[in-house]
Amino acid sequence: MFEFGNKEQKNGCACECSCGAKGNSGQKSSEVKILGMGCASCKVLAENTKQALASIGREPKVEKVTDMARIVSYGVISTPALVIGERVVSAGTVLSAGEIASLLKKEGL
């Protein structure tokens, strides 16, 4: 009757999000995320993050998380926030592309 835990979306994700992860295989959905509701600051941080990724030779793929429950699950109460490798590295501020590139390198990306 109920299919909890067996739900499979078109992209192969077993969770309820649209992350693109492959079920419970341990793959991260995205190495870099912007947490925020889509305000101007969030958009600037997302653009700066894409520029930073491109500047260090990485694909400028950034997941935008707007679901408040997911944002709070990271312990973030002030947005925008930047998450690298599932670790919150910045919250409540808009970092420059240079600052983000430094953080990406520090985090091993």
PDB file of N, CA and C in Angstrom:
ATOM      1  N   MET A   1       0.812  -1.180   0.000  1.00  0.00           N
ATOM      2  CA  MET A   1       0.000   0.000   0.000  1.00  0.00           C
ATOM      3  C   MET A   1       0.865   1.257   0.000  1.00  0.00           C
ATOM      4  N   PHE A   2       1.726   1.399   1.019  1.00  0.00           N
ATOM      5  CA  PHE A   2       2.647   2.533   1.058  1.00  0.00           C
ATOM      6  C   PHE A   2       3.987   2.088   0.522  1.00  0.00           C
ATOM      7  N   GLU A   3       4.650   2.960  -0.200  1.00  0.00           N
ATOM      8  CA  GLU A   3       5.914   2.594  -0.825  1.00  0.00           C
ATOM      9  C   GLU A   3       7.058   3.428  -0.299  1.00  0.00           C
ATOM     10  N   PHE A   4       7.080   3.676   1.005  1.00  0.00           N
ATOM     11  CA  PHE A   4       8.165   4.451   1.587  1.00  0.00           C
ATOM     12  C   PHE A   4       9.484   3.734   1.362  1.00  0.00           C
ATOM     13  N   GLY A   5      10.505   4.466   0.957  1.00  0.00           N
ATOM     14  CA  GLY A   5      11.824   3.886   0.747  1.00  0.00           C
ATOM     15  C   GLY A   5      11.993   3.224  -0.607  1.00  0.00           C
ATOM     16  N   ASN A   6      10.919   3.005  -1.319  1.00  0.00           N
ATOM     17  CA  ASN A   6      11.004   2.372  -2.632  1.00  0.00           C
ATOM     18  C   ASN A   6      10.656   3.334  -3.748  1.00  0.00           C
ATOM     19  N   LYS A   7      10.434   4.592  -3.407  1.00  0.00           N
ATOM     20  CA  LYS A   7      10.052   5.570  -4.411  1.00  0.00           C
ATOM     21  C   LYS A   7      11.231   5.861  -5.329  1.00  0.00           C
ATOM     22  N   GLU A   8      11.036   5.746  -6.608  1.00  0.00           N
ATOM     23  CA  GLU A   8      12.094   5.980  -7.587  1.00  0.00           C
ATOM     24  C   GLU A   8      11.601   7.030  -8.566  1.00  0.00           C
ATOM     25  N   GLN A   9      12.293   8.152  -8.648  1.00  0.00           N
ATOM     26  CA  GLN A   9      11.922   9.194  -9.581  1.00  0.00           C
ATOM     27  C   GLN A   9      12.597   8.942 -10.916  1.00  0.00           C
ATOM     28  N   LYS A  10      12.177   9.717 -11.924  1.00  0.00           N
ATOM     29  CA  LYS A  10      12.737   9.552 -13.261  1.00  0.00           C
ATOM     30  C   LYS A  10      14.251   9.680 -13.293  1.00  0.00           C
ATOM     31  N   ASN A  11      14.819  10.552 -12.460  1.00  0.00           N
ATOM     32  CA  ASN A  11      16.267  10.775 -12.472  1.00  0.00           C
ATOM     33  C   ASN A  11      17.021   9.741 -11.650  1.00  0.00           C
ATOM     34  N   GLY A  12      16.314   8.763 -11.070  1.00  0.00           N
ATOM     35  CA  GLY A  12      16.976   7.717 -10.300  1.00  0.00           C
ATOM     36  C   GLY A  12      17.108   8.030  -8.825  1.00  0.00           C
ATOM     37  N   CYS A  13      16.621   9.154  -8.403  1.00  0.00           N
ATOM     38  CA  CYS A  13      16.744   9.547  -6.999  1.00  0.00           C
ATOM     39  C   CYS A  13      15.650   8.880  -6.184  1.00  0.00           C
ATOM     40  N   ALA A  14      16.018   8.317  -5.053  1.00  0.00           N
ATOM     41  CA  ALA A  14      15.044   7.670  -4.187  1.00  0.00           C
ATOM     42  C   ALA A  14      14.468   8.625  -3.159  1.00  0.00           C
ATOM     43  N   CYS A  15      14.970   9.847  -3.107  1.00  0.00           N
ATOM     44  CA  CYS A  15      14.432  10.801  -2.142  1.00  0.00           C
ATOM     45  C   CYS A  15      13.347  11.643  -2.804  1.00  0.00           C
ATOM     46  N   GLU A  16      12.828  12.602  -2.082  1.00  0.00           N
ATOM     47  CA  GLU A  16      11.742  13.439  -2.579  1.00  0.00           C
ATOM     48  C   GLU A  16      12.218  14.681  -3.331  1.00  0.00           C
ATOM     49  N   CYS A  17      13.517  14.922  -3.378  1.00  0.00           N
ATOM     50  CA  CYS A  17      14.021  16.147  -3.997  1.00  0.00           C
ATOM     51  C   CYS A  17      14.279  15.943  -5.488  1.00  0.00           C
ATOM     52  N   SER A  18      14.791  16.971  -6.126  1.00  0.00           N
ATOM     53  CA  SER A  18      15.134  16.878  -7.538  1.00  0.00           C
ATOM     54  C   SER A  18      16.640  16.977  -7.702  1.00  0.00           C
ATOM     55  N   CYS A  19      17.371  16.352  -6.787  1.00  0.00           N
ATOM     56  CA  CYS A  19      18.819  16.536  -6.716  1.00  0.00           C
ATOM     57  C   CYS A  19      19.581  15.797  -7.804  1.00  0.00           C
ATOM     58  N   GLY A  20      19.041  14.721  -8.323  1.00  0.00           N
ATOM     59  CA  GLY A  20      19.758  13.976  -9.340  1.00  0.00           C
ATOM     60  C   GLY A  20      20.667  12.907  -8.776  1.00  0.00           C
ATOM     61  N   ALA A  21      20.672  12.712  -7.461  1.00  0.00           N
ATOM     62  CA  ALA A  21      21.495  11.656  -6.868  1.00  0.00           C
ATOM     63  C   ALA A  21      20.940  10.300  -7.266  1.00  0.00           C
ATOM     64  N   LYS A  22      21.732   9.286  -7.170  1.00  0.00           N
ATOM     65  CA  LYS A  22      21.329   7.946  -7.558  1.00  0.00           C
ATOM     66  C   LYS A  22      20.947   7.143  -6.327  1.00  0.00           C
ATOM     67  N   GLY A  23      19.768   7.407  -5.811  1.00  0.00           N
ATOM     68  CA  GLY A  23      19.264   6.639  -4.681  1.00  0.00           C
ATOM     69  C   GLY A  23      20.173   6.725  -3.478  1.00  0.00           C
ATOM     70  N   ASN A  24      20.463   5.590  -2.877  1.00  0.00           N
ATOM     71  CA  ASN A  24      21.292   5.539  -1.685  1.00  0.00           C
ATOM     72  C   ASN A  24      22.701   5.092  -2.007  1.00  0.00           C
ATOM     73  N   SER A  25      23.193   5.392  -3.186  1.00  0.00           N
ATOM     74  CA  SER A  25      24.519   4.931  -3.600  1.00  0.00           C
ATOM     75  C   SER A  25      25.640   5.724  -2.954  1.00  0.00           C
ATOM     76  N   GLY A  26      25.314   6.773  -2.201  1.00  0.00           N
ATOM     77  CA  GLY A  26      26.338   7.563  -1.538  1.00  0.00           C
ATOM     78  C   GLY A  26      26.828   8.734  -2.373  1.00  0.00           C
ATOM     79  N   GLN A  27      26.333   8.881  -3.596  1.00  0.00           N
ATOM     80  CA  GLN A  27      26.746   9.998  -4.427  1.00  0.00           C
ATOM     81  C   GLN A  27      26.153  11.278  -3.883  1.00  0.00           C
ATOM     82  N   LYS A  28      26.928  12.337  -3.907  1.00  0.00           N
ATOM     83  CA  LYS A  28      26.407  13.636  -3.536  1.00  0.00           C
ATOM     84  C   LYS A  28      25.622  14.174  -4.708  1.00  0.00           C
ATOM     85  N   SER A  29      24.553  14.911  -4.410  1.00  0.00           N
ATOM     86  CA  SER A  29      23.756  15.481  -5.478  1.00  0.00           C
ATOM     87  C   SER A  29      24.516  16.603  -6.171  1.00  0.00           C
ATOM     88  N   SER A  30      25.232  17.365  -5.419  1.00  0.00           N
ATOM     89  CA  SER A  30      25.985  18.472  -5.960  1.00  0.00           C
ATOM     90  C   SER A  30      27.057  18.834  -4.951  1.00  0.00           C
ATOM     91  N   GLU A  31      28.230  19.182  -5.429  1.00  0.00           N
ATOM     92  CA  GLU A  31      29.293  19.552  -4.507  1.00  0.00           C
ATOM     93  C   GLU A  31      29.112  20.964  -3.975  1.00  0.00           C
ATOM     94  N   VAL A  32      28.412  21.817  -4.745  1.00  0.00           N
ATOM     95  CA  VAL A  32      28.264  23.217  -4.361  1.00  0.00           C
ATOM     96  C   VAL A  32      26.785  23.591  -4.382  1.00  0.00           C
ATOM     97  N   LYS A  33      26.332  24.196  -3.281  1.00  0.00           N
ATOM     98  CA  LYS A  33      24.930  24.591  -3.170  1.00  0.00           C
ATOM     99  C   LYS A  33      24.823  26.016  -2.656  1.00  0.00           C
ATOM    100  N   ILE A  34      23.792  26.698  -3.121  1.00  0.00           N
ATOM    101  CA  ILE A  34      23.424  28.007  -2.596  1.00  0.00           C
ATOM    102  C   ILE A  34      22.112  27.802  -1.858  1.00  0.00           C
ATOM    103  N   LEU A  35      22.092  28.176  -0.581  1.00  0.00           N
ATOM    104  CA  LEU A  35      20.875  28.072   0.209  1.00  0.00           C
ATOM    105  C   LEU A  35      20.251  29.453   0.317  1.00  0.00           C
ATOM    106  N   GLY A  36      18.993  29.563  -0.082  1.00  0.00           N
ATOM    107  CA  GLY A  36      18.298  30.837   0.010  1.00  0.00           C
ATOM    108  C   GLY A  36      16.990  30.791  -0.743  1.00  0.00           C
ATOM    109  N   MET A  37      16.168  31.787  -0.505  1.00  0.00           N
ATOM    110  CA  MET A  37      14.825  31.815  -1.063  1.00  0.00           C
ATOM    111  C   MET A  37      14.757  32.479  -2.442  1.00  0.00           C
ATOM    112  N   GLY A  38      15.872  32.846  -3.012  1.00  0.00           N
ATOM    113  CA  GLY A  38      15.869  33.427  -4.353  1.00  0.00           C
ATOM    114  C   GLY A  38      15.918  34.943  -4.382  1.00  0.00           C
ATOM    115  N   CYS A  39      16.329  35.556  -3.294  1.00  0.00           N
ATOM    116  CA  CYS A  39      16.439  37.015  -3.237  1.00  0.00           C
ATOM    117  C   CYS A  39      17.609  37.491  -4.109  1.00  0.00           C
ATOM    118  N   ALA A  40      17.754  38.779  -4.224  1.00  0.00           N
ATOM    119  CA  ALA A  40      18.828  39.350  -5.036  1.00  0.00           C
ATOM    120  C   ALA A  40      20.206  38.904  -4.545  1.00  0.00           C
ATOM    121  N   SER A  41      20.401  38.856  -3.234  1.00  0.00           N
ATOM    122  CA  SER A  41      21.692  38.435  -2.683  1.00  0.00           C
ATOM    123  C   SER A  41      21.995  36.980  -3.041  1.00  0.00           C
ATOM    124  N   CYS A  42      20.972  36.136  -2.996  1.00  0.00           N
ATOM    125  CA  CYS A  42      21.147  34.724  -3.351  1.00  0.00           C
ATOM    126  C   CYS A  42      21.564  34.585  -4.809  1.00  0.00           C
ATOM    127  N   LYS A  43      20.944  35.378  -5.659  1.00  0.00           N
ATOM    128  CA  LYS A  43      21.256  35.326  -7.089  1.00  0.00           C
ATOM    129  C   LYS A  43      22.687  35.793  -7.357  1.00  0.00           C
ATOM    130  N   VAL A  44      23.122  36.838  -6.663  1.00  0.00           N
ATOM    131  CA  VAL A  44      24.497  37.328  -6.825  1.00  0.00           C
ATOM    132  C   VAL A  44      25.486  36.279  -6.337  1.00  0.00           C
ATOM    133  N   LEU A  45      25.213  35.655  -5.182  1.00  0.00           N
ATOM    134  CA  LEU A  45      26.103  34.617  -4.665  1.00  0.00           C
ATOM    135  C   LEU A  45      26.176  33.441  -5.637  1.00  0.00           C
ATOM    136  N   ALA A  46      25.053  33.069  -6.230  1.00  0.00           N
ATOM    137  CA  ALA A  46      25.040  31.968  -7.202  1.00  0.00           C
ATOM    138  C   ALA A  46      25.887  32.315  -8.424  1.00  0.00           C
ATOM    139  N   GLU A  47      25.759  33.529  -8.923  1.00  0.00           N
ATOM    140  CA  GLU A  47      26.547  33.957 -10.092  1.00  0.00           C
ATOM    141  C   GLU A  47      28.030  34.011  -9.751  1.00  0.00           C
ATOM    142  N   ASN A  48      28.370  34.553  -8.587  1.00  0.00           N
ATOM    143  CA  ASN A  48      29.773  34.609  -8.166  1.00  0.00           C
ATOM    144  C   ASN A  48      30.355  33.207  -8.005  1.00  0.00           C
ATOM    145  N   THR A  49      29.527  32.279  -7.528  1.00  0.00           N
ATOM    146  CA  THR A  49      29.976  30.902  -7.346  1.00  0.00           C
ATOM    147  C   THR A  49      30.254  30.244  -8.699  1.00  0.00           C
ATOM    148  N   LYS A  50      29.390  30.483  -9.668  1.00  0.00           N
ATOM    149  CA  LYS A  50      29.606  29.935 -11.020  1.00  0.00           C
ATOM    150  C   LYS A  50      30.894  30.496 -11.619  1.00  0.00           C
ATOM    151  N   GLN A  51      31.119  31.795 -11.428  1.00  0.00           N
ATOM    152  CA  GLN A  51      32.352  32.412 -11.926  1.00  0.00           C
ATOM    153  C   GLN A  51      33.575  31.808 -11.242  1.00  0.00           C
ATOM    154  N   ALA A  52      33.488  31.583  -9.940  1.00  0.00           N
ATOM    155  CA  ALA A  52      34.610  31.011  -9.194  1.00  0.00           C
ATOM    156  C   ALA A  52      34.906  29.594  -9.665  1.00  0.00           C
ATOM    157  N   LEU A  53      33.878  28.799  -9.863  1.00  0.00           N
ATOM    158  CA  LEU A  53      34.071  27.430 -10.350  1.00  0.00           C
ATOM    159  C   LEU A  53      34.739  27.436 -11.726  1.00  0.00           C
ATOM    160  N   ALA A  54      34.256  28.289 -12.603  1.00  0.00           N
ATOM    161  CA  ALA A  54      34.840  28.387 -13.947  1.00  0.00           C
ATOM    162  C   ALA A  54      36.299  28.831 -13.880  1.00  0.00           C
ATOM    163  N   SER A  55      36.610  29.741 -12.955  1.00  0.00           N
ATOM    164  CA  SER A  55      37.977  30.265 -12.860  1.00  0.00           C
ATOM    165  C   SER A  55      38.979  29.222 -12.397  1.00  0.00           C
ATOM    166  N   ILE A  56      38.504  28.192 -11.687  1.00  0.00           N
ATOM    167  CA  ILE A  56      39.420  27.136 -11.248  1.00  0.00           C
ATOM    168  C   ILE A  56      39.287  25.874 -12.110  1.00  0.00           C
ATOM    169  N   GLY A  57      38.596  26.031 -13.230  1.00  0.00           N
ATOM    170  CA  GLY A  57      38.511  24.928 -14.185  1.00  0.00           C
ATOM    171  C   GLY A  57      37.489  23.865 -13.852  1.00  0.00           C
ATOM    172  N   ARG A  58      36.500  24.213 -13.051  1.00  0.00           N
ATOM    173  CA  ARG A  58      35.441  23.273 -12.703  1.00  0.00           C
ATOM    174  C   ARG A  58      34.163  23.621 -13.454  1.00  0.00           C
ATOM    175  N   GLU A  59      33.325  22.625 -13.646  1.00  0.00           N
ATOM    176  CA  GLU A  59      32.035  22.874 -14.285  1.00  0.00           C
ATOM    177  C   GLU A  59      31.221  23.797 -13.377  1.00  0.00           C
ATOM    178  N   PRO A  60      30.701  24.889 -13.930  1.00  0.00           N
ATOM    179  CA  PRO A  60      29.962  25.835 -13.088  1.00  0.00           C
ATOM    180  C   PRO A  60      28.549  25.356 -12.766  1.00  0.00           C
ATOM    181  N   LYS A  61      28.449  24.188 -12.129  1.00  0.00           N
ATOM    182  CA  LYS A  61      27.159  23.618 -11.761  1.00  0.00           C
ATOM    183  C   LYS A  61      26.918  23.881 -10.280  1.00  0.00           C
ATOM    184  N   VAL A  62      25.828  24.582 -10.004  1.00  0.00           N
ATOM    185  CA  VAL A  62      25.492  24.972  -8.646  1.00  0.00           C
ATOM    186  C   VAL A  62      24.043  24.586  -8.387  1.00  0.00           C
ATOM    187  N   GLU A  63      23.804  23.871  -7.303  1.00  0.00           N
ATOM    188  CA  GLU A  63      22.443  23.531  -6.916  1.00  0.00           C
ATOM    189  C   GLU A  63      21.884  24.656  -6.066  1.00  0.00           C
ATOM    190  N   LYS A  64      20.689  25.105  -6.396  1.00  0.00           N
ATOM    191  CA  LYS A  64      20.023  26.141  -5.605  1.00  0.00           C
ATOM    192  C   LYS A  64      18.987  25.472  -4.721  1.00  0.00           C
ATOM    193  N   VAL A  65      19.110  25.665  -3.426  1.00  0.00           N
ATOM    194  CA  VAL A  65      18.191  25.080  -2.453  1.00  0.00           C
ATOM    195  C   VAL A  65      17.306  26.191  -1.907  1.00  0.00           C
ATOM    196  N   THR A  66      16.012  26.117  -2.209  1.00  0.00           N
ATOM    197  CA  THR A  66      15.073  27.145  -1.765  1.00  0.00           C
ATOM    198  C   THR A  66      14.079  26.618  -0.736  1.00  0.00           C
ATOM    199  N   ASP A  67      14.056  25.318  -0.513  1.00  0.00           N
ATOM    200  CA  ASP A  67      13.146  24.715   0.442  1.00  0.00           C
ATOM    201  C   ASP A  67      13.620  25.032   1.866  1.00  0.00           C
ATOM    202  N   MET A  68      12.765  25.720   2.624  1.00  0.00           N
ATOM    203  CA  MET A  68      13.163  26.182   3.956  1.00  0.00           C
ATOM    204  C   MET A  68      13.533  25.025   4.881  1.00  0.00           C
ATOM    205  N   ALA A  69      12.858  23.914   4.785  1.00  0.00           N
ATOM    206  CA  ALA A  69      13.191  22.764   5.640  1.00  0.00           C
ATOM    207  C   ALA A  69      14.599  22.267   5.350  1.00  0.00           C
ATOM    208  N   ARG A  70      14.978  22.218   4.077  1.00  0.00           N
ATOM    209  CA  ARG A  70      16.343  21.800   3.728  1.00  0.00           C
ATOM    210  C   ARG A  70      17.363  22.824   4.189  1.00  0.00           C
ATOM    211  N   ILE A  71      17.040  24.102   4.042  1.00  0.00           N
ATOM    212  CA  ILE A  71      17.958  25.159   4.475  1.00  0.00           C
ATOM    213  C   ILE A  71      18.205  25.042   5.978  1.00  0.00           C
ATOM    214  N   VAL A  72      17.154  24.900   6.739  1.00  0.00           N
ATOM    215  CA  VAL A  72      17.266  24.786   8.193  1.00  0.00           C
ATOM    216  C   VAL A  72      18.012  23.505   8.581  1.00  0.00           C
ATOM    217  N   SER A  73      17.876  22.448   7.779  1.00  0.00           N
ATOM    218  CA  SER A  73      18.571  21.193   8.097  1.00  0.00           C
ATOM    219  C   SER A  73      20.091  21.364   8.072  1.00  0.00           C
ATOM    220  N   TYR A  74      20.579  22.390   7.385  1.00  0.00           N
ATOM    221  CA  TYR A  74      22.012  22.693   7.380  1.00  0.00           C
ATOM    222  C   TYR A  74      22.408  23.551   8.581  1.00  0.00           C
ATOM    223  N   GLY A  75      21.443  23.946   9.392  1.00  0.00           N
ATOM    224  CA  GLY A  75      21.732  24.793  10.549  1.00  0.00           C
ATOM    225  C   GLY A  75      21.838  26.258  10.184  1.00  0.00           C
ATOM    226  N   VAL A  76      21.386  26.618   9.011  1.00  0.00           N
ATOM    227  CA  VAL A  76      21.488  27.988   8.511  1.00  0.00           C
ATOM    228  C   VAL A  76      20.233  28.769   8.896  1.00  0.00           C
ATOM    229  N   ILE A  77      20.434  29.932   9.505  1.00  0.00           N
ATOM    230  CA  ILE A  77      19.300  30.800   9.819  1.00  0.00           C
ATOM    231  C   ILE A  77      19.403  32.135   9.093  1.00  0.00           C
ATOM    232  N   SER A  78      20.539  32.382   8.447  1.00  0.00           N
ATOM    233  CA  SER A  78      20.745  33.621   7.698  1.00  0.00           C
ATOM    234  C   SER A  78      21.222  33.273   6.300  1.00  0.00           C
ATOM    235  N   THR A  79      20.460  33.694   5.302  1.00  0.00           N
ATOM    236  CA  THR A  79      20.820  33.417   3.915  1.00  0.00           C
ATOM    237  C   THR A  79      21.271  34.694   3.236  1.00  0.00           C
ATOM    238  N   PRO A  80      21.983  34.588   2.128  1.00  0.00           N
ATOM    239  CA  PRO A  80      22.325  33.358   1.424  1.00  0.00           C
ATOM    240  C   PRO A  80      23.445  32.611   2.135  1.00  0.00           C
ATOM    241  N   ALA A  81      23.501  31.324   1.861  1.00  0.00           N
ATOM    242  CA  ALA A  81      24.567  30.496   2.422  1.00  0.00           C
ATOM    243  C   ALA A  81      25.203  29.693   1.302  1.00  0.00           C
ATOM    244  N   LEU A  82      26.476  29.414   1.476  1.00  0.00           N
ATOM    245  CA  LEU A  82      27.237  28.626   0.503  1.00  0.00           C
ATOM    246  C   LEU A  82      27.640  27.315   1.162  1.00  0.00           C
ATOM    247  N   VAL A  83      27.324  26.218   0.487  1.00  0.00           N
ATOM    248  CA  VAL A  83      27.664  24.884   0.974  1.00  0.00           C
ATOM    249  C   VAL A  83      28.611  24.245  -0.026  1.00  0.00           C
ATOM    250  N   ILE A  84      29.733  23.762   0.464  1.00  0.00           N
ATOM    251  CA  ILE A  84      30.704  23.053  -0.374  1.00  0.00           C
ATOM    252  C   ILE A  84      30.906  21.682   0.242  1.00  0.00           C
ATOM    253  N   GLY A  85      30.621  20.645  -0.543  1.00  0.00           N
ATOM    254  CA  GLY A  85      30.800  19.286  -0.039  1.00  0.00           C
ATOM    255  C   GLY A  85      29.994  19.005   1.212  1.00  0.00           C
ATOM    256  N   GLU A  86      28.766  19.491   1.262  1.00  0.00           N
ATOM    257  CA  GLU A  86      27.841  19.303   2.385  1.00  0.00           C
ATOM    258  C   GLU A  86      28.254  20.041   3.658  1.00  0.00           C
ATOM    259  N   ARG A  87      29.215  20.955   3.551  1.00  0.00           N
ATOM    260  CA  ARG A  87      29.636  21.751   4.703  1.00  0.00           C
ATOM    261  C   ARG A  87      29.329  23.214   4.435  1.00  0.00           C
ATOM    262  N   VAL A  88      28.635  23.865   5.359  1.00  0.00           N
ATOM    263  CA  VAL A  88      28.330  25.289   5.226  1.00  0.00           C
ATOM    264  C   VAL A  88      29.624  26.064   5.453  1.00  0.00           C
ATOM    265  N   VAL A  89      30.035  26.824   4.428  1.00  0.00           N
ATOM    266  CA  VAL A  89      31.279  27.590   4.540  1.00  0.00           C
ATOM    267  C   VAL A  89      31.028  29.085   4.672  1.00  0.00           C
ATOM    268  N   SER A  90      29.795  29.504   4.411  1.00  0.00           N
ATOM    269  CA  SER A  90      29.463  30.917   4.523  1.00  0.00           C
ATOM    270  C   SER A  90      27.952  31.045   4.679  1.00  0.00           C
ATOM    271  N   ALA A  91      27.528  31.977   5.537  1.00  0.00           N
ATOM    272  CA  ALA A  91      26.099  32.238   5.705  1.00  0.00           C
ATOM    273  C   ALA A  91      25.883  33.706   6.005  1.00  0.00           C
ATOM    274  N   GLY A  92      24.850  34.256   5.396  1.00  0.00           N
ATOM    275  CA  GLY A  92      24.464  35.632   5.676  1.00  0.00           C
ATOM    276  C   GLY A  92      25.289  36.698   4.991  1.00  0.00           C
ATOM    277  N   THR A  93      26.087  36.305   4.005  1.00  0.00           N
ATOM    278  CA  THR A  93      26.921  37.280   3.297  1.00  0.00           C
ATOM    279  C   THR A  93      27.074  36.882   1.833  1.00  0.00           C
ATOM    280  N   VAL A  94      27.334  37.874   1.000  1.00  0.00           N
ATOM    281  CA  VAL A  94      27.583  37.625  -0.415  1.00  0.00           C
ATOM    282  C   VAL A  94      29.084  37.696  -0.640  1.00  0.00           C
ATOM    283  N   LEU A  95      29.679  36.558  -0.903  1.00  0.00           N
ATOM    284  CA  LEU A  95      31.116  36.487  -1.151  1.00  0.00           C
ATOM    285  C   LEU A  95      31.431  36.844  -2.596  1.00  0.00           C
ATOM    286  N   SER A  96      32.624  37.363  -2.817  1.00  0.00           N
ATOM    287  CA  SER A  96      33.078  37.642  -4.176  1.00  0.00           C
ATOM    288  C   SER A  96      33.515  36.335  -4.829  1.00  0.00           C
ATOM    289  N   ALA A  97      33.670  36.354  -6.150  1.00  0.00           N
ATOM    290  CA  ALA A  97      34.128  35.167  -6.873  1.00  0.00           C
ATOM    291  C   ALA A  97      35.513  34.743  -6.379  1.00  0.00           C
ATOM    292  N   GLY A  98      36.370  35.702  -6.080  1.00  0.00           N
ATOM    293  CA  GLY A  98      37.709  35.390  -5.575  1.00  0.00           C
ATOM    294  C   GLY A  98      37.678  34.711  -4.217  1.00  0.00           C
ATOM    295  N   GLU A  99      36.821  35.210  -3.335  1.00  0.00           N
ATOM    296  CA  GLU A  99      36.688  34.591  -2.010  1.00  0.00           C
ATOM    297  C   GLU A  99      36.162  33.164  -2.131  1.00  0.00           C
ATOM    298  N   ILE A 100      35.213  32.981  -3.032  1.00  0.00           N
ATOM    299  CA  ILE A 100      34.628  31.643  -3.225  1.00  0.00           C
ATOM    300  C   ILE A 100      35.674  30.706  -3.830  1.00  0.00           C
ATOM    301  N   ALA A 101      36.453  31.180  -4.792  1.00  0.00           N
ATOM    302  CA  ALA A 101      37.507  30.345  -5.387  1.00  0.00           C
ATOM    303  C   ALA A 101      38.482  29.888  -4.313  1.00  0.00           C
ATOM    304  N   SER A 102      38.835  30.770  -3.395  1.00  0.00           N
ATOM    305  CA  SER A 102      39.741  30.389  -2.288  1.00  0.00           C
ATOM    306  C   SER A 102      39.121  29.300  -1.419  1.00  0.00           C
ATOM    307  N   LEU A 103      37.833  29.449  -1.115  1.00  0.00           N
ATOM    308  CA  LEU A 103      37.151  28.435  -0.317  1.00  0.00           C
ATOM    309  C   LEU A 103      37.066  27.101  -1.048  1.00  0.00           C
ATOM    310  N   LEU A 104      36.810  27.151  -2.346  1.00  0.00           N
ATOM    311  CA  LEU A 104      36.740  25.921  -3.150  1.00  0.00           C
ATOM    312  C   LEU A 104      38.068  25.190  -3.115  1.00  0.00           C
ATOM    313  N   LYS A 105      39.150  25.934  -3.260  1.00  0.00           N
ATOM    314  CA  LYS A 105      40.486  25.317  -3.212  1.00  0.00           C
ATOM    315  C   LYS A 105      40.764  24.746  -1.828  1.00  0.00           C
ATOM    316  N   LYS A 106      40.399  25.495  -0.802  1.00  0.00           N
ATOM    317  CA  LYS A 106      40.608  25.055   0.574  1.00  0.00           C
ATOM    318  C   LYS A 106      39.832  23.778   0.861  1.00  0.00           C
ATOM    319  N   GLU A 107      38.655  23.651   0.269  1.00  0.00           N
ATOM    320  CA  GLU A 107      37.819  22.470   0.467  1.00  0.00           C
ATOM    321  C   GLU A 107      38.208  21.317  -0.467  1.00  0.00           C
ATOM    322  N   GLY A 108      39.212  21.530  -1.300  1.00  0.00           N
ATOM    323  CA  GLY A 108      39.707  20.463  -2.157  1.00  0.00           C
ATOM    324  C   GLY A 108      38.978  20.266  -3.468  1.00  0.00           C
ATOM    325  N   LEU A 109      38.286  21.288  -3.947  1.00  0.00           N
ATOM    326  CA  LEU A 109      37.604  21.169  -5.238  1.00  0.00           C
ATOM    327  C   LEU A 109      38.405  21.779  -6.344  1.00  0.00           C
TER     328      LEU A 109
END
